Amino acid sequence: MQRREVAFQSPGGIGLEDRRDIILEAIKDLHKNETFERALGRVLRKRGREYQEYQSLMAEIRRRAEKDHVDLLVAAKLEASVD
């Protein structure tokens, strides 16, 4: 009998590790005078992801920003640091 591993996925279909990697890549690849949303969209398109996944991920980051009263970039960093 083979063991089958199942990764937890967020509502948008992005696994937790992949989600963290995507957020960190968007932060690292942020261009001068560019919004975090645009950088995240570029990273997701480069990885062949769906627009629905972008919407879900941005919704999570926006909720975090509102909850903690911080901007989106800080909220993204907080989301990426949560395990």
Protein backbone atom coordinates (compact mmCIF):
# COMPACT_ATOMS: atom_id res chain seq x y z
CA MET A 1 0.00 0.00 0.00
CA GLN A 2 1.45 3.36 -1.01
CA ARG A 3 1.30 6.36 1.23
CA ARG A 4 -0.31 9.37 -0.39
CA GLU A 5 0.56 12.83 0.86
CA VAL A 6 -2.04 15.54 0.67
CA ALA A 7 -0.96 19.18 0.98
CA PHE A 8 -3.32 21.65 2.62
CA GLN A 9 -4.58 24.18 0.12
CA SER A 10 -5.97 27.63 0.74
CA PRO A 11 -9.41 28.47 -0.67
CA GLY A 12 -7.81 29.75 -3.88
CA GLY A 13 -6.16 26.40 -4.55
CA ILE A 14 -2.61 27.47 -3.66
CA GLY A 15 -0.80 25.20 -1.18
CA LEU A 16 0.64 26.84 1.93
CA GLU A 17 4.29 26.42 0.96
CA ASP A 18 3.65 27.55 -2.61
CA ARG A 19 1.61 30.49 -1.30
CA ARG A 20 4.50 31.59 0.91
CA ASP A 21 6.99 31.23 -1.95
CA ILE A 22 4.76 33.25 -4.29
CA ILE A 23 4.37 36.09 -1.78
CA LEU A 24 8.10 36.18 -1.04
CA GLU A 25 8.96 36.17 -4.75
CA ALA A 26 6.56 39.07 -5.36
CA ILE A 27 8.14 41.04 -2.50
CA LYS A 28 11.66 40.32 -3.74
CA ASP A 29 10.78 41.14 -7.37
CA LEU A 30 8.96 44.39 -6.57
CA HIS A 31 10.02 47.07 -9.07
CA LYS A 32 10.58 50.70 -8.13
CA ASN A 33 7.27 52.58 -7.79
CA GLU A 34 5.28 49.37 -8.39
CA THR A 35 2.36 48.21 -6.27
CA PHE A 36 2.47 44.88 -4.50
CA GLU A 37 -0.68 43.83 -6.38
CA ARG A 38 1.06 44.26 -9.73
CA ALA A 39 4.16 42.34 -8.61
CA LEU A 40 1.99 39.51 -7.27
CA GLY A 41 0.03 39.34 -10.52
CA ARG A 42 3.25 39.13 -12.53
CA VAL A 43 4.61 36.30 -10.37
CA LEU A 44 1.35 34.35 -10.62
CA ARG A 45 1.17 34.78 -14.42
CA LYS A 46 4.80 33.67 -14.73
CA ARG A 47 3.90 30.51 -12.81
CA GLY A 48 0.86 29.87 -15.00
CA ARG A 49 -1.67 30.48 -12.22
CA GLU A 50 -5.30 31.51 -12.56
CA TYR A 51 -6.72 34.99 -11.96
CA GLN A 52 -9.02 33.43 -9.34
CA GLU A 53 -5.92 32.45 -7.31
CA TYR A 54 -4.68 36.05 -7.48
CA GLN A 55 -8.04 37.31 -6.23
CA SER A 56 -8.09 34.83 -3.36
CA LEU A 57 -4.54 35.59 -2.28
CA MET A 58 -5.05 39.36 -2.49
CA ALA A 59 -8.27 39.07 -0.47
CA GLU A 60 -6.34 37.29 2.31
CA ILE A 61 -3.61 39.94 2.27
CA ARG A 62 -6.13 42.80 2.25
CA ARG A 63 -7.96 41.27 5.24
CA ARG A 64 -4.65 41.04 7.08
CA ALA A 65 -3.79 44.67 6.21
CA GLU A 66 -7.16 45.87 7.48
CA LYS A 67 -6.99 43.75 10.64
CA ASP A 68 -3.47 44.92 11.56
CA HIS A 69 -3.88 48.49 10.22
CA VAL A 70 -0.86 48.20 7.92
CA ASP A 71 -0.23 48.65 4.20
CA LEU A 72 -0.38 45.75 1.74
CA LEU A 73 3.37 45.19 1.59
CA VAL A 74 3.65 44.84 5.37
CA ALA A 75 0.57 42.58 5.41
CA ALA A 76 2.12 40.41 2.68
CA LYS A 77 5.30 40.06 4.72
CA LEU A 78 3.22 39.06 7.74
CA GLU A 79 1.25 36.52 5.69
CA ALA A 80 4.47 35.01 4.31
CA SER A 81 5.90 34.63 7.81
CA VAL A 82 2.86 32.71 9.13
CA ASP A 83 3.27 28.93 9.00
